[in-house]
C-alpha cells in the first residue's frame, strides 16, 4: 500500500516510478515532475546534474555516510 516518491516497496523495481495517476515513468525527471506542484518550482529537464560534481569530496563523504546502512546497526 506504499506509493509515492519512495516507490511501492513491493520488491518489483519495474513499478518504482509509479506516478499519482498510476502510470509508470521510465525516467527520473518525468517521474519527479509528476509529483511537482504546478507553479511551485521549475520542471526538471531530461538531464539531472549529479550533486557530487559541484562539491569536491562529497562523493567520498556520501559513500562513508551511506556505509552505515550496510553496517551492523541495520542488519
PDB file of N, CA and C in Angstrom:
ATOM      1  N   UNK A   1       0.818  -1.205   0.000  1.00  0.00           N
ATOM      2  CA  UNK A   1       0.000   0.000   0.000  1.00  0.00           C
ATOM      3  C   UNK A   1       0.853   1.256   0.000  1.00  0.00           C
ATOM      4  N   UNK A   2       2.177   1.104  -0.016  1.00  0.00           N
ATOM      5  CA  UNK A   2       3.066   2.263  -0.061  1.00  0.00           C
ATOM      6  C   UNK A   2       3.157   2.744  -1.501  1.00  0.00           C
ATOM      7  N   UNK A   3       3.077   4.049  -1.696  1.00  0.00           N
ATOM      8  CA  UNK A   3       3.191   4.626  -3.029  1.00  0.00           C
ATOM      9  C   UNK A   3       3.741   6.032  -2.916  1.00  0.00           C
ATOM     10  N   UNK A   4       4.475   6.470  -3.913  1.00  0.00           N
ATOM     11  CA  UNK A   4       4.965   7.833  -3.924  1.00  0.00           C
ATOM     12  C   UNK A   4       6.412   7.909  -4.332  1.00  0.00           C
ATOM     13  N   UNK A   5       7.081   8.977  -3.921  1.00  0.00           N
ATOM     14  CA  UNK A   5       8.465   9.199  -4.307  1.00  0.00           C
ATOM     15  C   UNK A   5       9.396   8.129  -3.767  1.00  0.00           C
ATOM     16  N   UNK A   6       8.995   7.413  -2.741  1.00  0.00           N
ATOM     17  CA  UNK A   6       9.834   6.337  -2.190  1.00  0.00           C
ATOM     18  C   UNK A   6       9.553   4.999  -2.859  1.00  0.00           C
ATOM     19  N   UNK A   7       8.702   4.954  -3.859  1.00  0.00           N
ATOM     20  CA  UNK A   7       8.407   3.719  -4.569  1.00  0.00           C
ATOM     21  C   UNK A   7       7.245   2.972  -3.948  1.00  0.00           C
ATOM     22  N   UNK A   8       7.077   1.738  -4.375  1.00  0.00           N
ATOM     23  CA  UNK A   8       5.956   0.922  -3.905  1.00  0.00           C
ATOM     24  C   UNK A   8       6.355  -0.082  -2.835  1.00  0.00           C
ATOM     25  N   UNK A   9       7.650  -0.296  -2.673  1.00  0.00           N
ATOM     26  CA  UNK A   9       8.199  -1.195  -1.646  1.00  0.00           C
ATOM     27  C   UNK A   9       7.612  -2.596  -1.747  1.00  0.00           C
ATOM     28  N   UNK A  10       7.450  -3.070  -2.987  1.00  0.00           N
ATOM     29  CA  UNK A  10       6.921  -4.420  -3.179  1.00  0.00           C
ATOM     30  C   UNK A  10       7.957  -5.369  -3.776  1.00  0.00           C
ATOM     31  N   UNK A  11       9.207  -4.910  -3.918  1.00  0.00           N
ATOM     32  CA  UNK A  11      10.261  -5.753  -4.448  1.00  0.00           C
ATOM     33  C   UNK A  11      10.320  -5.801  -5.965  1.00  0.00           C
ATOM     34  N   UNK A  12       9.374  -5.171  -6.643  1.00  0.00           N
ATOM     35  CA  UNK A  12       9.341  -5.161  -8.104  1.00  0.00           C
ATOM     36  C   UNK A  12       9.821  -3.802  -8.586  1.00  0.00           C
ATOM     37  N   UNK A  13      11.062  -3.735  -9.080  1.00  0.00           N
ATOM     38  CA  UNK A  13      11.630  -2.458  -9.488  1.00  0.00           C
ATOM     39  C   UNK A  13      10.981  -1.885 -10.734  1.00  0.00           C
ATOM     40  N   UNK A  14      10.217  -2.673 -11.464  1.00  0.00           N
ATOM     41  CA  UNK A  14       9.580  -2.173 -12.681  1.00  0.00           C
ATOM     42  C   UNK A  14       8.487  -1.153 -12.381  1.00  0.00           C
ATOM     43  N   UNK A  15       7.954  -1.128 -11.170  1.00  0.00           N
ATOM     44  CA  UNK A  15       6.883  -0.172 -10.868  1.00  0.00           C
ATOM     45  C   UNK A  15       7.293   0.873  -9.822  1.00  0.00           C
ATOM     46  N   UNK A  16       8.585   1.051  -9.634  1.00  0.00           N
ATOM     47  CA  UNK A  16       9.045   2.016  -8.634  1.00  0.00           C
ATOM     48  C   UNK A  16       8.773   3.464  -9.035  1.00  0.00           C
ATOM     49  N   UNK A  17       8.660   3.746 -10.321  1.00  0.00           N
ATOM     50  CA  UNK A  17       8.390   5.111 -10.774  1.00  0.00           C
ATOM     51  C   UNK A  17       6.905   5.284 -11.075  1.00  0.00           C
ATOM     52  N   UNK A  18       6.043   4.837 -10.186  1.00  0.00           N
ATOM     53  CA  UNK A  18       4.602   4.929 -10.348  1.00  0.00           C
ATOM     54  C   UNK A  18       4.130   6.342 -10.005  1.00  0.00           C
ATOM     55  N   UNK A  19       3.467   6.991 -10.953  1.00  0.00           N
ATOM     56  CA  UNK A  19       3.003   8.363 -10.760  1.00  0.00           C
ATOM     57  C   UNK A  19       1.690   8.385  -9.983  1.00  0.00           C
ATOM     58  N   UNK A  20       1.262   9.547  -9.532  1.00  0.00           N
ATOM     59  CA  UNK A  20      -0.026   9.640  -8.843  1.00  0.00           C
ATOM     60  C   UNK A  20      -1.202   9.171  -9.710  1.00  0.00           C
ATOM     61  N   UNK A  21      -1.031   9.259 -11.039  1.00  0.00           N
ATOM     62  CA  UNK A  21      -2.091   8.820 -11.952  1.00  0.00           C
ATOM     63  C   UNK A  21      -2.060   7.316 -12.204  1.00  0.00           C
ATOM     64  N   UNK A  22      -1.028   6.624 -11.695  1.00  0.00           N
ATOM     65  CA  UNK A  22      -0.919   5.186 -11.875  1.00  0.00           C
ATOM     66  C   UNK A  22      -0.078   4.770 -13.066  1.00  0.00           C
ATOM     67  N   UNK A  23       0.531   5.734 -13.755  1.00  0.00           N
ATOM     68  CA  UNK A  23       1.419   5.420 -14.877  1.00  0.00           C
ATOM     69  C   UNK A  23       2.815   5.113 -14.351  1.00  0.00           C
ATOM     70  N   UNK A  24       3.573   4.328 -15.097  1.00  0.00           N
ATOM     71  CA  UNK A  24       4.959   4.052 -14.742  1.00  0.00           C
ATOM     72  C   UNK A  24       5.852   4.866 -15.673  1.00  0.00           C
ATOM     73  N   UNK A  25       6.617   5.798 -15.103  1.00  0.00           N
ATOM     74  CA  UNK A  25       7.548   6.612 -15.886  1.00  0.00           C
ATOM     75  C   UNK A  25       8.865   5.863 -16.029  1.00  0.00           C
ATOM     76  N   UNK A  26       9.533   6.073 -17.139  1.00  0.00           N
ATOM     77  CA  UNK A  26      10.810   5.404 -17.372  1.00  0.00           C
ATOM     78  C   UNK A  26      11.994   6.233 -16.908  1.00  0.00           C
ATOM     79  N   UNK A  27      11.842   7.551 -16.855  1.00  0.00           N
ATOM     80  CA  UNK A  27      12.948   8.426 -16.481  1.00  0.00           C
ATOM     81  C   UNK A  27      12.726   9.119 -15.156  1.00  0.00           C
ATOM     82  N   UNK A  28      13.821   9.469 -14.507  1.00  0.00           N
ATOM     83  CA  UNK A  28      13.765  10.116 -13.196  1.00  0.00           C
ATOM     84  C   UNK A  28      13.096  11.482 -13.276  1.00  0.00           C
ATOM     85  N   UNK A  29      13.469  12.289 -14.275  1.00  0.00           N
ATOM     86  CA  UNK A  29      12.929  13.640 -14.386  1.00  0.00           C
ATOM     87  C   UNK A  29      11.412  13.614 -14.586  1.00  0.00           C
ATOM     88  N   UNK A  30      10.933  12.775 -15.487  1.00  0.00           N
ATOM     89  CA  UNK A  30       9.491  12.686 -15.730  1.00  0.00           C
ATOM     90  C   UNK A  30       8.753  12.214 -14.479  1.00  0.00           C
ATOM     91  N   UNK A  31       9.349  11.281 -13.757  1.00  0.00           N
ATOM     92  CA  UNK A  31       8.745  10.792 -12.520  1.00  0.00           C
ATOM     93  C   UNK A  31       8.656  11.904 -11.479  1.00  0.00           C
ATOM     94  N   UNK A  32       9.768  12.611 -11.264  1.00  0.00           N
ATOM     95  CA  UNK A  32       9.778  13.695 -10.276  1.00  0.00           C
ATOM     96  C   UNK A  32       8.806  14.795 -10.672  1.00  0.00           C
ATOM     97  N   UNK A  33       8.742  15.125 -11.956  1.00  0.00           N
ATOM     98  CA  UNK A  33       7.833  16.174 -12.416  1.00  0.00           C
ATOM     99  C   UNK A  33       6.370  15.791 -12.207  1.00  0.00           C
ATOM    100  N   UNK A  34       6.051  14.495 -12.174  1.00  0.00           N
ATOM    101  CA  UNK A  34       4.680  14.051 -11.944  1.00  0.00           C
ATOM    102  C   UNK A  34       4.208  14.413 -10.533  1.00  0.00           C
ATOM    103  N   UNK A  35       5.139  14.579  -9.602  1.00  0.00           N
ATOM    104  CA  UNK A  35       4.791  14.935  -8.225  1.00  0.00           C
ATOM    105  C   UNK A  35       4.956  16.428  -7.943  1.00  0.00           C
ATOM    106  N   UNK A  36       5.421  17.182  -8.934  1.00  0.00           N
ATOM    107  CA  UNK A  36       5.688  18.610  -8.765  1.00  0.00           C
ATOM    108  C   UNK A  36       4.376  19.382  -8.662  1.00  0.00           C
ATOM    109  N   UNK A  37       4.296  20.274  -7.680  1.00  0.00           N
ATOM    110  CA  UNK A  37       3.135  21.153  -7.558  1.00  0.00           C
ATOM    111  C   UNK A  37       3.253  22.240  -8.618  1.00  0.00           C
ATOM    112  N   UNK A  38       2.232  22.396  -9.429  1.00  0.00           N
ATOM    113  CA  UNK A  38       2.260  23.370 -10.523  1.00  0.00           C
ATOM    114  C   UNK A  38       2.600  24.767 -10.004  1.00  0.00           C
ATOM    115  N   UNK A  39       3.599  25.370 -10.597  1.00  0.00           N
ATOM    116  CA  UNK A  39       3.983  26.726 -10.227  1.00  0.00           C
ATOM    117  C   UNK A  39       4.887  26.818  -9.016  1.00  0.00           C
ATOM    118  N   UNK A  40       5.059  25.736  -8.273  1.00  0.00           N
ATOM    119  CA  UNK A  40       5.860  25.784  -7.053  1.00  0.00           C
ATOM    120  C   UNK A  40       7.357  25.809  -7.345  1.00  0.00           C
ATOM    121  N   UNK A  41       7.766  25.163  -8.417  1.00  0.00           N
ATOM    122  CA  UNK A  41       9.174  25.111  -8.778  1.00  0.00           C
ATOM    123  C   UNK A  41       9.268  24.759 -10.259  1.00  0.00           C
ATOM    124  N   UNK A  42      10.408  25.039 -10.879  1.00  0.00           N
ATOM    125  CA  UNK A  42      10.536  24.715 -12.304  1.00  0.00           C
ATOM    126  C   UNK A  42      10.608  23.203 -12.531  1.00  0.00           C
ATOM    127  N   UNK A  43      10.142  22.774 -13.681  1.00  0.00           N
ATOM    128  CA  UNK A  43      10.196  21.356 -14.033  1.00  0.00           C
ATOM    129  C   UNK A  43      11.641  20.946 -14.268  1.00  0.00           C
ATOM    130  N   UNK A  44      11.936  19.703 -13.949  1.00  0.00           N
ATOM    131  CA  UNK A  44      13.267  19.160 -14.207  1.00  0.00           C
ATOM    132  C   UNK A  44      13.407  18.845 -15.682  1.00  0.00           C
ATOM    133  N   UNK A  45      14.587  19.101 -16.204  1.00  0.00           N
ATOM    134  CA  UNK A  45      14.886  18.748 -17.584  1.00  0.00           C
ATOM    135  C   UNK A  45      15.309  17.296 -17.664  1.00  0.00           C
ATOM    136  N   UNK A  46      15.569  16.797 -18.876  1.00  0.00           N
ATOM    137  CA  UNK A  46      15.918  15.382 -19.015  1.00  0.00           C
ATOM    138  C   UNK A  46      17.262  15.011 -18.385  1.00  0.00           C
ATOM    139  N   UNK A  47      18.194  15.953 -18.310  1.00  0.00           N
ATOM    140  CA  UNK A  47      19.488  15.658 -17.701  1.00  0.00           C
ATOM    141  C   UNK A  47      19.568  16.228 -16.297  1.00  0.00           C
ATOM    142  N   UNK A  48      19.654  15.364 -15.304  1.00  0.00           N
ATOM    143  CA  UNK A  48      19.742  15.818 -13.917  1.00  0.00           C
ATOM    144  C   UNK A  48      21.211  15.775 -13.510  1.00  0.00           C
ATOM    145  N   UNK A  49      21.718  16.916 -13.072  1.00  0.00           N
ATOM    146  CA  UNK A  49      23.130  17.003 -12.685  1.00  0.00           C
ATOM    147  C   UNK A  49      23.389  16.200 -11.416  1.00  0.00           C
ATOM    148  N   UNK A  50      24.549  15.582 -11.366  1.00  0.00           N
ATOM    149  CA  UNK A  50      24.967  14.862 -10.173  1.00  0.00           C
ATOM    150  C   UNK A  50      25.427  15.894  -9.144  1.00  0.00           C
ATOM    151  N   UNK A  51      24.814  15.952  -7.956  1.00  0.00           N
ATOM    152  CA  UNK A  51      25.186  16.963  -6.970  1.00  0.00           C
ATOM    153  C   UNK A  51      26.632  16.833  -6.496  1.00  0.00           C
ATOM    154  N   UNK A  52      27.220  15.659  -6.622  1.00  0.00           N
ATOM    155  CA  UNK A  52      28.602  15.469  -6.192  1.00  0.00           C
ATOM    156  C   UNK A  52      29.591  16.153  -7.129  1.00  0.00           C
ATOM    157  N   UNK A  53      29.179  16.444  -8.364  1.00  0.00           N
ATOM    158  CA  UNK A  53      30.076  17.097  -9.315  1.00  0.00           C
ATOM    159  C   UNK A  53      30.414  18.528  -8.923  1.00  0.00           C
ATOM    160  N   UNK A  54      29.536  19.193  -8.200  1.00  0.00           N
ATOM    161  CA  UNK A  54      29.752  20.605  -7.866  1.00  0.00           C
ATOM    162  C   UNK A  54      30.461  20.808  -6.526  1.00  0.00           C
ATOM    163  N   UNK A  55      30.713  19.739  -5.793  1.00  0.00           N
ATOM    164  CA  UNK A  55      31.340  19.866  -4.479  1.00  0.00           C
ATOM    165  C   UNK A  55      32.443  18.823  -4.323  1.00  0.00           C
ATOM    166  N   UNK A  56      33.692  19.237  -4.432  1.00  0.00           N
ATOM    167  CA  UNK A  56      34.798  18.273  -4.313  1.00  0.00           C
ATOM    168  C   UNK A  56      34.755  17.519  -2.979  1.00  0.00           C
ATOM    169  N   UNK A  57      34.963  16.224  -3.046  1.00  0.00           N
ATOM    170  CA  UNK A  57      34.994  15.407  -1.842  1.00  0.00           C
ATOM    171  C   UNK A  57      33.643  14.899  -1.378  1.00  0.00           C
ATOM    172  N   UNK A  58      32.571  15.371  -1.985  1.00  0.00           N
ATOM    173  CA  UNK A  58      31.251  14.973  -1.499  1.00  0.00           C
ATOM    174  C   UNK A  58      30.935  13.517  -1.817  1.00  0.00           C
ATOM    175  N   UNK A  59      31.478  12.977  -2.915  1.00  0.00           N
ATOM    176  CA  UNK A  59      31.238  11.569  -3.245  1.00  0.00           C
ATOM    177  C   UNK A  59      31.789  10.666  -2.151  1.00  0.00           C
ATOM    178  N   UNK A  60      33.005  10.964  -1.708  1.00  0.00           N
ATOM    179  CA  UNK A  60      33.617  10.159  -0.646  1.00  0.00           C
ATOM    180  C   UNK A  60      32.839  10.285   0.658  1.00  0.00           C
ATOM    181  N   UNK A  61      32.412  11.497   0.993  1.00  0.00           N
ATOM    182  CA  UNK A  61      31.623  11.699   2.223  1.00  0.00           C
ATOM    183  C   UNK A  61      30.284  10.963   2.133  1.00  0.00           C
ATOM    184  N   UNK A  62      29.663  11.009   0.969  1.00  0.00           N
ATOM    185  CA  UNK A  62      28.373  10.337   0.803  1.00  0.00           C
ATOM    186  C   UNK A  62      28.538   8.823   0.946  1.00  0.00           C
ATOM    187  N   UNK A  63      29.579   8.271   0.337  1.00  0.00           N
ATOM    188  CA  UNK A  63      29.810   6.829   0.453  1.00  0.00           C
ATOM    189  C   UNK A  63      30.082   6.425   1.897  1.00  0.00           C
ATOM    190  N   UNK A  64      30.856   7.218   2.615  1.00  0.00           N
ATOM    191  CA  UNK A  64      31.162   6.901   4.013  1.00  0.00           C
ATOM    192  C   UNK A  64      29.905   6.981   4.876  1.00  0.00           C
ATOM    193  N   UNK A  65      29.085   7.980   4.627  1.00  0.00           N
ATOM    194  CA  UNK A  65      27.856   8.143   5.404  1.00  0.00           C
ATOM    195  C   UNK A  65      26.871   7.025   5.108  1.00  0.00           C
ATOM    196  N   UNK A  66      26.709   6.681   3.837  1.00  0.00           N
ATOM    197  CA  UNK A  66      25.769   5.621   3.460  1.00  0.00           C
ATOM    198  C   UNK A  66      26.261   4.236   3.879  1.00  0.00           C
ATOM    199  N   UNK A  67      27.548   4.080   4.083  1.00  0.00           N
ATOM    200  CA  UNK A  67      28.086   2.788   4.500  1.00  0.00           C
ATOM    201  C   UNK A  67      27.505   2.357   5.840  1.00  0.00           C
ATOM    202  N   UNK A  68      27.052   3.301   6.637  1.00  0.00           N
ATOM    203  CA  UNK A  68      26.431   2.983   7.924  1.00  0.00           C
ATOM    204  C   UNK A  68      25.212   2.079   7.709  1.00  0.00           C
ATOM    205  N   UNK A  69      24.497   2.281   6.594  1.00  0.00           N
ATOM    206  CA  UNK A  69      23.298   1.469   6.320  1.00  0.00           C
ATOM    207  C   UNK A  69      23.638  -0.002   6.090  1.00  0.00           C
ATOM    208  N   UNK A  70      24.872  -0.262   5.687  1.00  0.00           N
ATOM    209  CA  UNK A  70      25.295  -1.642   5.473  1.00  0.00           C
ATOM    210  C   UNK A  70      25.978  -2.242   6.690  1.00  0.00           C
ATOM    211  N   UNK A  71      26.132  -1.460   7.740  1.00  0.00           N
ATOM    212  CA  UNK A  71      26.813  -1.899   8.943  1.00  0.00           C
ATOM    213  C   UNK A  71      25.930  -2.685   9.889  1.00  0.00           C
ATOM    214  N   UNK A  72      26.466  -3.077  11.029  1.00  0.00           N
ATOM    215  CA  UNK A  72      25.741  -3.922  11.977  1.00  0.00           C
ATOM    216  C   UNK A  72      24.480  -3.291  12.562  1.00  0.00           C
ATOM    217  N   UNK A  73      24.415  -1.975  12.605  1.00  0.00           N
ATOM    218  CA  UNK A  73      23.233  -1.327  13.184  1.00  0.00           C
ATOM    219  C   UNK A  73      21.956  -1.632  12.396  1.00  0.00           C
ATOM    220  N   UNK A  74      22.103  -1.935  11.108  1.00  0.00           N
ATOM    221  CA  UNK A  74      20.920  -2.181  10.271  1.00  0.00           C
ATOM    222  C   UNK A  74      20.820  -3.621   9.773  1.00  0.00           C
ATOM    223  N   UNK A  75      21.552  -4.528  10.393  1.00  0.00           N
ATOM    224  CA  UNK A  75      21.484  -5.932   9.962  1.00  0.00           C
ATOM    225  C   UNK A  75      20.358  -6.654  10.669  1.00  0.00           C
TER     226      UNK A  75
END
